[in-house]
Every structure is written in C-alpha cells, then in structure tokens.
Amino acid sequence: MKLSARNQLKGTVDHVTEGAVSGVVTVKVANDVIKADITMEAIKGLGLHAGQEATAIIKASHVLVAKGSQRLVELSARNQLSGTVETVTKGAVNGHVTLKLADGGVLTASITNEAIEELGLEVGAPALGIFKSTDVIVGV
C-alpha cells in the first residue's frame, strides 16, 4: 500500500501498554523511540506485540520543528527526534524541512516560511522534529 504521509519510519514494537479504551505502542526506530497512542481495538486488530516489525507513520503537517538538538524537557509531546536539516524547500506560504536522523532516516515537516526564517533553519543546522503520540499511525 502506498500512502500520502511522507514520514514512514520502520522499526520494531518495543512495548505495548494497554488501557481501557486506548493504549501506547512504543516503536523502536534505530536509537530512537516513537510512542503512538492508538485504540485498543487497533492494537488487538493489528496483533501488536513486542518484537513485531511496525512502521510509525506521521503526516508532515503534524511535525513541529525546534532549533537545536537538545530535547525539550517541559513539553507534552512525547516524540522528539534529533537530526540535521538536510533540505529546506519554501513555497508561497509554507515550506518543507527535512531532517536527516542519526540512523540515516528522514523526517519531513511542513511549516510556515515565517517559522523557517525565524528559526534560522538552514542545511546542516541541528533541529528536533516533534510530534504528539496521538499523531502517529502504526502500520504492520
């Protein structure tokens, strides 16, 4: 299946925390961990369990970017991936910023040109890609 979501990070389910209605699936992608908050129905339907291969899928419009590589400690978003700006492509109002992750993977964010300029995002600059666990889709 092909998807329109740019960010498809392949990894392995590390842990599943079950709840009454939803649970948290932790997917290990190289040295990073991605948390996905999904329904128990989806967890059971996909048969998610530790050791299973899975793909964390995140739309570029759900990825926030912070300047620098230091994790933000007082933030509700569970997912923060450190990388280096690989490309910056500006459009009329919005642009795409692609981060090269430590494992060689990429994470793309769709943000405003104004944000790109204010953050000084340039090729080679360190940056964090940030997204909420509720914005992650898990595929198997």
N, C-alpha and C. Protein backbone atom coordinates (compact mmCIF):
# COMPACT_ATOMS: atom_id res chain seq x y z
N MET A 1 0.83 -1.17 0.00
CA MET A 1 0.00 0.00 0.00
C MET A 1 0.88 1.24 0.00
N LYS A 2 0.53 2.20 -0.83
CA LYS A 2 1.22 3.48 -0.85
C LYS A 2 0.40 4.47 -0.05
N LEU A 3 1.08 5.38 0.64
CA LEU A 3 0.42 6.37 1.47
C LEU A 3 0.87 7.77 1.09
N SER A 4 0.02 8.75 1.34
CA SER A 4 0.40 10.14 1.08
C SER A 4 1.24 10.71 2.21
N ALA A 5 1.24 10.07 3.38
CA ALA A 5 2.04 10.55 4.50
C ALA A 5 3.52 10.34 4.19
N ARG A 6 4.31 11.42 4.25
CA ARG A 6 5.73 11.35 3.92
C ARG A 6 6.57 10.55 4.89
N ASN A 7 6.23 10.65 6.15
CA ASN A 7 7.07 10.06 7.19
C ASN A 7 6.61 8.65 7.52
N GLN A 8 7.43 7.69 7.12
CA GLN A 8 7.16 6.28 7.37
C GLN A 8 8.44 5.68 7.92
N LEU A 9 8.51 5.59 9.25
CA LEU A 9 9.73 5.16 9.93
C LEU A 9 9.57 3.71 10.39
N LYS A 10 10.38 2.84 9.80
CA LYS A 10 10.29 1.41 10.10
C LYS A 10 11.07 1.07 11.35
N GLY A 11 10.48 0.20 12.16
CA GLY A 11 11.13 -0.21 13.39
C GLY A 11 10.52 -1.48 13.93
N THR A 12 10.66 -1.66 15.23
CA THR A 12 10.17 -2.84 15.92
C THR A 12 9.39 -2.41 17.15
N VAL A 13 8.25 -3.04 17.38
CA VAL A 13 7.47 -2.75 18.58
C VAL A 13 8.32 -3.15 19.78
N ASP A 14 8.54 -2.20 20.68
CA ASP A 14 9.33 -2.44 21.88
C ASP A 14 8.44 -2.81 23.05
N HIS A 15 7.27 -2.15 23.10
CA HIS A 15 6.40 -2.35 24.26
C HIS A 15 4.98 -1.90 23.91
N VAL A 16 4.00 -2.56 24.48
CA VAL A 16 2.60 -2.16 24.34
C VAL A 16 2.02 -2.00 25.74
N THR A 17 1.53 -0.79 26.04
CA THR A 17 0.86 -0.53 27.31
C THR A 17 -0.63 -0.46 27.03
N GLU A 18 -1.38 -1.39 27.59
CA GLU A 18 -2.81 -1.46 27.32
C GLU A 18 -3.60 -0.64 28.32
N GLY A 19 -4.66 0.00 27.83
CA GLY A 19 -5.58 0.74 28.66
C GLY A 19 -7.00 0.27 28.40
N ALA A 20 -7.97 0.93 29.00
CA ALA A 20 -9.36 0.53 28.83
C ALA A 20 -9.86 0.81 27.41
N VAL A 21 -9.54 1.98 26.88
CA VAL A 21 -10.01 2.38 25.55
C VAL A 21 -8.87 2.48 24.56
N SER A 22 -7.75 3.02 25.00
CA SER A 22 -6.59 3.14 24.11
C SER A 22 -5.34 2.67 24.84
N GLY A 23 -4.29 2.53 24.08
CA GLY A 23 -3.02 2.10 24.64
C GLY A 23 -1.88 2.87 23.99
N VAL A 24 -0.68 2.64 24.50
CA VAL A 24 0.50 3.28 23.94
C VAL A 24 1.41 2.19 23.38
N VAL A 25 1.71 2.33 22.09
CA VAL A 25 2.61 1.40 21.42
C VAL A 25 3.94 2.11 21.25
N THR A 26 5.00 1.51 21.76
CA THR A 26 6.34 2.08 21.64
C THR A 26 7.06 1.35 20.52
N VAL A 27 7.47 2.11 19.50
CA VAL A 27 8.18 1.54 18.35
C VAL A 27 9.62 2.03 18.40
N LYS A 28 10.55 1.10 18.40
CA LYS A 28 11.98 1.45 18.40
C LYS A 28 12.43 1.57 16.95
N VAL A 29 12.93 2.75 16.60
CA VAL A 29 13.45 3.03 15.26
C VAL A 29 14.91 3.40 15.44
N ALA A 30 15.81 2.47 15.12
CA ALA A 30 17.25 2.65 15.36
C ALA A 30 17.43 2.99 16.84
N ASN A 31 18.04 4.14 17.17
CA ASN A 31 18.27 4.52 18.57
C ASN A 31 17.15 5.38 19.13
N ASP A 32 16.12 5.65 18.33
CA ASP A 32 15.02 6.49 18.77
C ASP A 32 13.82 5.63 19.16
N VAL A 33 12.96 6.22 19.97
CA VAL A 33 11.73 5.57 20.37
C VAL A 33 10.57 6.48 19.97
N ILE A 34 9.56 5.90 19.33
CA ILE A 34 8.37 6.64 18.93
C ILE A 34 7.19 6.04 19.66
N LYS A 35 6.42 6.91 20.31
CA LYS A 35 5.23 6.46 21.03
C LYS A 35 3.99 6.82 20.23
N ALA A 36 3.09 5.83 20.11
CA ALA A 36 1.84 6.02 19.39
C ALA A 36 0.69 5.71 20.34
N ASP A 37 -0.23 6.65 20.48
CA ASP A 37 -1.43 6.48 21.30
C ASP A 37 -2.55 6.06 20.35
N ILE A 38 -2.91 4.78 20.39
CA ILE A 38 -3.94 4.27 19.47
C ILE A 38 -4.97 3.45 20.26
N THR A 39 -6.10 3.18 19.62
CA THR A 39 -7.17 2.46 20.31
C THR A 39 -6.78 1.01 20.59
N MET A 40 -7.39 0.45 21.63
CA MET A 40 -7.17 -0.96 21.94
C MET A 40 -7.70 -1.84 20.82
N GLU A 41 -8.76 -1.37 20.17
CA GLU A 41 -9.31 -2.10 19.03
C GLU A 41 -8.25 -2.24 17.94
N ALA A 42 -7.51 -1.15 17.67
CA ALA A 42 -6.45 -1.19 16.66
C ALA A 42 -5.29 -2.07 17.12
N ILE A 43 -4.93 -1.97 18.39
CA ILE A 43 -3.84 -2.79 18.92
C ILE A 43 -4.17 -4.27 18.77
N LYS A 44 -5.38 -4.64 19.15
CA LYS A 44 -5.80 -6.05 19.04
C LYS A 44 -5.94 -6.46 17.57
N GLY A 45 -6.55 -5.59 16.76
CA GLY A 45 -6.77 -5.90 15.35
C GLY A 45 -5.48 -6.11 14.57
N LEU A 46 -4.46 -5.34 14.94
CA LEU A 46 -3.15 -5.48 14.27
C LEU A 46 -2.29 -6.56 14.92
N GLY A 47 -2.75 -7.05 16.07
CA GLY A 47 -1.98 -8.07 16.79
C GLY A 47 -0.64 -7.54 17.28
N LEU A 48 -0.61 -6.28 17.69
CA LEU A 48 0.66 -5.66 18.08
C LEU A 48 1.23 -6.28 19.35
N HIS A 49 2.52 -6.60 19.28
CA HIS A 49 3.23 -7.18 20.42
C HIS A 49 4.72 -6.87 20.29
N ALA A 50 5.42 -6.95 21.41
CA ALA A 50 6.85 -6.69 21.42
C ALA A 50 7.57 -7.61 20.44
N GLY A 51 8.52 -7.04 19.71
CA GLY A 51 9.31 -7.80 18.75
C GLY A 51 8.77 -7.78 17.34
N GLN A 52 7.56 -7.30 17.16
CA GLN A 52 6.93 -7.26 15.84
C GLN A 52 7.44 -6.07 15.04
N GLU A 53 7.67 -6.28 13.75
CA GLU A 53 8.05 -5.17 12.87
C GLU A 53 6.83 -4.28 12.68
N ALA A 54 7.08 -2.96 12.68
CA ALA A 54 5.99 -2.00 12.51
C ALA A 54 6.55 -0.72 11.90
N THR A 55 5.66 0.07 11.34
CA THR A 55 6.03 1.35 10.76
C THR A 55 5.25 2.45 11.46
N ALA A 56 5.97 3.46 11.94
CA ALA A 56 5.33 4.64 12.52
C ALA A 56 5.12 5.64 11.38
N ILE A 57 3.88 6.06 11.21
CA ILE A 57 3.52 6.95 10.09
C ILE A 57 3.05 8.27 10.66
N ILE A 58 3.65 9.38 10.19
CA ILE A 58 3.33 10.70 10.69
C ILE A 58 3.23 11.66 9.51
N LYS A 59 2.10 12.36 9.39
CA LYS A 59 1.97 13.37 8.34
C LYS A 59 2.94 14.51 8.60
N ALA A 60 3.51 15.06 7.55
CA ALA A 60 4.47 16.16 7.67
C ALA A 60 3.85 17.37 8.35
N SER A 61 2.55 17.58 8.15
CA SER A 61 1.87 18.73 8.76
C SER A 61 1.70 18.57 10.28
N HIS A 62 1.96 17.37 10.82
CA HIS A 62 1.86 17.14 12.25
C HIS A 62 3.21 17.24 12.95
N VAL A 63 4.27 17.50 12.20
CA VAL A 63 5.61 17.58 12.78
C VAL A 63 5.97 19.04 13.05
N LEU A 64 6.32 19.33 14.29
CA LEU A 64 6.82 20.65 14.68
C LEU A 64 8.34 20.60 14.61
N VAL A 65 8.98 21.75 14.47
CA VAL A 65 10.44 21.80 14.42
C VAL A 65 10.93 22.77 15.47
N ALA A 66 11.95 22.36 16.21
CA ALA A 66 12.63 23.23 17.17
C ALA A 66 14.09 23.33 16.77
N LYS A 67 14.65 24.50 16.93
CA LYS A 67 16.06 24.73 16.61
C LYS A 67 16.94 24.05 17.66
N GLY A 68 18.03 23.46 17.22
CA GLY A 68 18.97 22.81 18.12
C GLY A 68 18.68 21.33 18.27
N SER A 69 19.54 20.64 19.00
CA SER A 69 19.39 19.20 19.15
C SER A 69 19.06 18.79 20.57
N GLN A 70 18.95 19.76 21.47
CA GLN A 70 18.66 19.48 22.88
C GLN A 70 17.17 19.17 23.04
N ARG A 71 16.86 18.00 23.62
CA ARG A 71 15.45 17.65 23.88
C ARG A 71 14.81 18.69 24.78
N LEU A 72 13.56 19.00 24.51
CA LEU A 72 12.80 19.92 25.33
C LEU A 72 12.18 19.10 26.46
N VAL A 73 12.50 19.45 27.71
CA VAL A 73 12.07 18.62 28.83
C VAL A 73 10.66 18.95 29.32
N GLU A 74 10.23 20.16 29.17
CA GLU A 74 8.91 20.54 29.65
C GLU A 74 7.96 20.71 28.47
N LEU A 75 7.57 19.57 27.92
CA LEU A 75 6.74 19.55 26.72
C LEU A 75 5.85 18.33 26.76
N SER A 76 4.59 18.49 26.40
CA SER A 76 3.66 17.36 26.46
C SER A 76 3.82 16.39 25.29
N ALA A 77 4.39 16.84 24.18
CA ALA A 77 4.59 15.94 23.03
C ALA A 77 5.63 14.89 23.40
N ARG A 78 5.27 13.62 23.22
CA ARG A 78 6.13 12.52 23.63
C ARG A 78 7.28 12.22 22.68
N ASN A 79 7.16 12.62 21.43
CA ASN A 79 8.14 12.24 20.42
C ASN A 79 9.01 13.41 20.00
N GLN A 80 10.31 13.26 20.19
CA GLN A 80 11.28 14.26 19.79
C GLN A 80 12.46 13.54 19.14
N LEU A 81 12.62 13.74 17.83
CA LEU A 81 13.70 13.09 17.11
C LEU A 81 14.73 14.13 16.70
N SER A 82 15.96 13.88 17.08
CA SER A 82 17.05 14.81 16.78
C SER A 82 17.63 14.52 15.41
N GLY A 83 17.94 15.59 14.68
CA GLY A 83 18.53 15.42 13.37
C GLY A 83 19.23 16.66 12.89
N THR A 84 19.61 16.64 11.64
CA THR A 84 20.28 17.76 10.99
C THR A 84 19.45 18.14 9.77
N VAL A 85 19.25 19.44 9.57
CA VAL A 85 18.47 19.88 8.42
C VAL A 85 19.17 19.44 7.15
N GLU A 86 18.46 18.65 6.35
CA GLU A 86 19.02 18.15 5.09
C GLU A 86 18.56 19.00 3.91
N THR A 87 17.28 19.38 3.91
CA THR A 87 16.76 20.24 2.84
C THR A 87 15.74 21.22 3.41
N VAL A 88 15.66 22.38 2.77
CA VAL A 88 14.62 23.37 3.06
C VAL A 88 14.05 23.78 1.71
N THR A 89 12.74 23.57 1.54
CA THR A 89 12.09 23.94 0.30
C THR A 89 10.93 24.86 0.64
N LYS A 90 11.03 26.11 0.21
CA LYS A 90 9.97 27.08 0.51
C LYS A 90 8.97 27.14 -0.63
N GLY A 91 7.71 27.28 -0.24
CA GLY A 91 6.62 27.50 -1.20
C GLY A 91 6.16 28.94 -1.06
N ALA A 92 4.94 29.21 -1.47
CA ALA A 92 4.40 30.57 -1.39
C ALA A 92 4.23 31.01 0.07
N VAL A 93 3.73 30.11 0.92
CA VAL A 93 3.48 30.43 2.32
C VAL A 93 4.15 29.42 3.25
N ASN A 94 4.06 28.15 2.89
CA ASN A 94 4.62 27.08 3.69
C ASN A 94 5.82 26.46 2.99
N GLY A 95 6.61 25.75 3.77
CA GLY A 95 7.75 25.05 3.20
C GLY A 95 7.89 23.68 3.82
N HIS A 96 8.81 22.91 3.29
CA HIS A 96 9.13 21.59 3.84
C HIS A 96 10.56 21.62 4.33
N VAL A 97 10.74 21.12 5.55
CA VAL A 97 12.06 20.98 6.15
C VAL A 97 12.28 19.50 6.39
N THR A 98 13.33 18.97 5.82
CA THR A 98 13.65 17.55 6.00
C THR A 98 14.84 17.42 6.92
N LEU A 99 14.66 16.60 7.97
CA LEU A 99 15.74 16.34 8.92
C LEU A 99 16.33 14.97 8.64
N LYS A 100 17.64 14.90 8.59
CA LYS A 100 18.34 13.61 8.48
C LYS A 100 18.56 13.13 9.91
N LEU A 101 18.02 11.98 10.23
CA LEU A 101 18.13 11.43 11.58
C LEU A 101 19.45 10.68 11.73
N ALA A 102 19.83 10.42 12.96
CA ALA A 102 21.11 9.77 13.25
C ALA A 102 21.27 8.43 12.54
N ASP A 103 20.16 7.69 12.35
CA ASP A 103 20.24 6.37 11.72
C ASP A 103 20.21 6.45 10.20
N GLY A 104 20.17 7.68 9.65
CA GLY A 104 20.12 7.86 8.20
C GLY A 104 18.72 8.05 7.67
N GLY A 105 17.71 7.80 8.49
CA GLY A 105 16.32 8.02 8.08
C GLY A 105 16.03 9.50 7.97
N VAL A 106 14.87 9.83 7.45
CA VAL A 106 14.49 11.24 7.32
C VAL A 106 13.12 11.48 7.93
N LEU A 107 12.92 12.71 8.40
CA LEU A 107 11.65 13.16 8.94
C LEU A 107 11.37 14.51 8.31
N THR A 108 10.21 14.65 7.67
CA THR A 108 9.86 15.89 6.99
C THR A 108 8.76 16.60 7.74
N ALA A 109 8.91 17.92 7.86
CA ALA A 109 7.91 18.78 8.50
C ALA A 109 7.42 19.79 7.49
N SER A 110 6.13 20.06 7.52
CA SER A 110 5.54 21.11 6.71
C SER A 110 5.23 22.27 7.65
N ILE A 111 6.00 23.36 7.53
CA ILE A 111 5.84 24.51 8.43
C ILE A 111 5.84 25.80 7.60
N THR A 112 5.48 26.89 8.23
CA THR A 112 5.42 28.15 7.50
C THR A 112 6.82 28.66 7.14
N ASN A 113 6.89 29.42 6.06
CA ASN A 113 8.16 30.06 5.68
C ASN A 113 8.62 30.98 6.80
N GLU A 114 7.66 31.64 7.45
CA GLU A 114 7.99 32.54 8.55
C GLU A 114 8.73 31.80 9.67
N ALA A 115 8.25 30.60 10.00
CA ALA A 115 8.90 29.78 11.03
C ALA A 115 10.30 29.36 10.59
N ILE A 116 10.42 28.98 9.32
CA ILE A 116 11.74 28.59 8.78
C ILE A 116 12.73 29.72 8.97
N GLU A 117 12.30 30.92 8.63
CA GLU A 117 13.19 32.09 8.73
C GLU A 117 13.49 32.47 10.17
N GLU A 118 12.45 32.50 11.02
CA GLU A 118 12.64 32.89 12.42
C GLU A 118 13.55 31.92 13.17
N LEU A 119 13.45 30.61 12.84
CA LEU A 119 14.29 29.62 13.49
C LEU A 119 15.68 29.53 12.86
N GLY A 120 15.85 30.17 11.72
CA GLY A 120 17.15 30.10 11.04
C GLY A 120 17.46 28.71 10.56
N LEU A 121 16.45 28.00 10.07
CA LEU A 121 16.66 26.62 9.63
C LEU A 121 17.36 26.62 8.28
N GLU A 122 18.58 26.14 8.29
CA GLU A 122 19.41 26.06 7.08
C GLU A 122 20.01 24.67 7.01
N VAL A 123 20.37 24.26 5.84
CA VAL A 123 21.01 22.96 5.65
C VAL A 123 22.21 22.85 6.57
N GLY A 124 22.29 21.75 7.29
CA GLY A 124 23.39 21.50 8.21
C GLY A 124 23.10 21.88 9.65
N ALA A 125 22.04 22.64 9.89
CA ALA A 125 21.71 23.08 11.25
C ALA A 125 21.07 21.94 12.05
N PRO A 126 21.40 21.83 13.33
CA PRO A 126 20.74 20.83 14.16
C PRO A 126 19.31 21.24 14.46
N ALA A 127 18.39 20.26 14.51
CA ALA A 127 17.00 20.56 14.79
C ALA A 127 16.31 19.32 15.34
N LEU A 128 15.19 19.56 16.02
CA LEU A 128 14.35 18.49 16.54
C LEU A 128 13.05 18.42 15.76
N GLY A 129 12.62 17.23 15.44
CA GLY A 129 11.29 17.01 14.89
C GLY A 129 10.42 16.52 16.04
N ILE A 130 9.32 17.21 16.28
CA ILE A 130 8.48 16.94 17.44
C ILE A 130 7.06 16.62 16.98
N PHE A 131 6.46 15.58 17.56
CA PHE A 131 5.07 15.26 17.24
C PHE A 131 4.43 14.51 18.40
N LYS A 132 3.13 14.67 18.52
CA LYS A 132 2.38 14.05 19.58
C LYS A 132 2.15 12.57 19.30
N SER A 133 2.00 11.79 20.35
CA SER A 133 1.75 10.35 20.20
C SER A 133 0.41 10.09 19.52
N THR A 134 -0.53 11.02 19.65
CA THR A 134 -1.84 10.85 19.01
C THR A 134 -1.79 11.13 17.51
N ASP A 135 -0.67 11.66 17.01
CA ASP A 135 -0.49 11.92 15.59
C ASP A 135 0.23 10.79 14.85
N VAL A 136 0.51 9.72 15.57
CA VAL A 136 1.23 8.59 14.97
C VAL A 136 0.25 7.48 14.61
N ILE A 137 0.34 7.01 13.38
CA ILE A 137 -0.41 5.85 12.91
C ILE A 137 0.58 4.69 12.87
N VAL A 138 0.16 3.53 13.32
CA VAL A 138 1.04 2.36 13.31
C VAL A 138 0.57 1.42 12.20
N GLY A 139 1.51 1.02 11.36
CA GLY A 139 1.22 0.06 10.29
C GLY A 139 2.05 -1.18 10.47
N VAL A 140 1.51 -2.32 10.04
CA VAL A 140 2.29 -3.57 10.09
C VAL A 140 2.22 -4.25 8.72
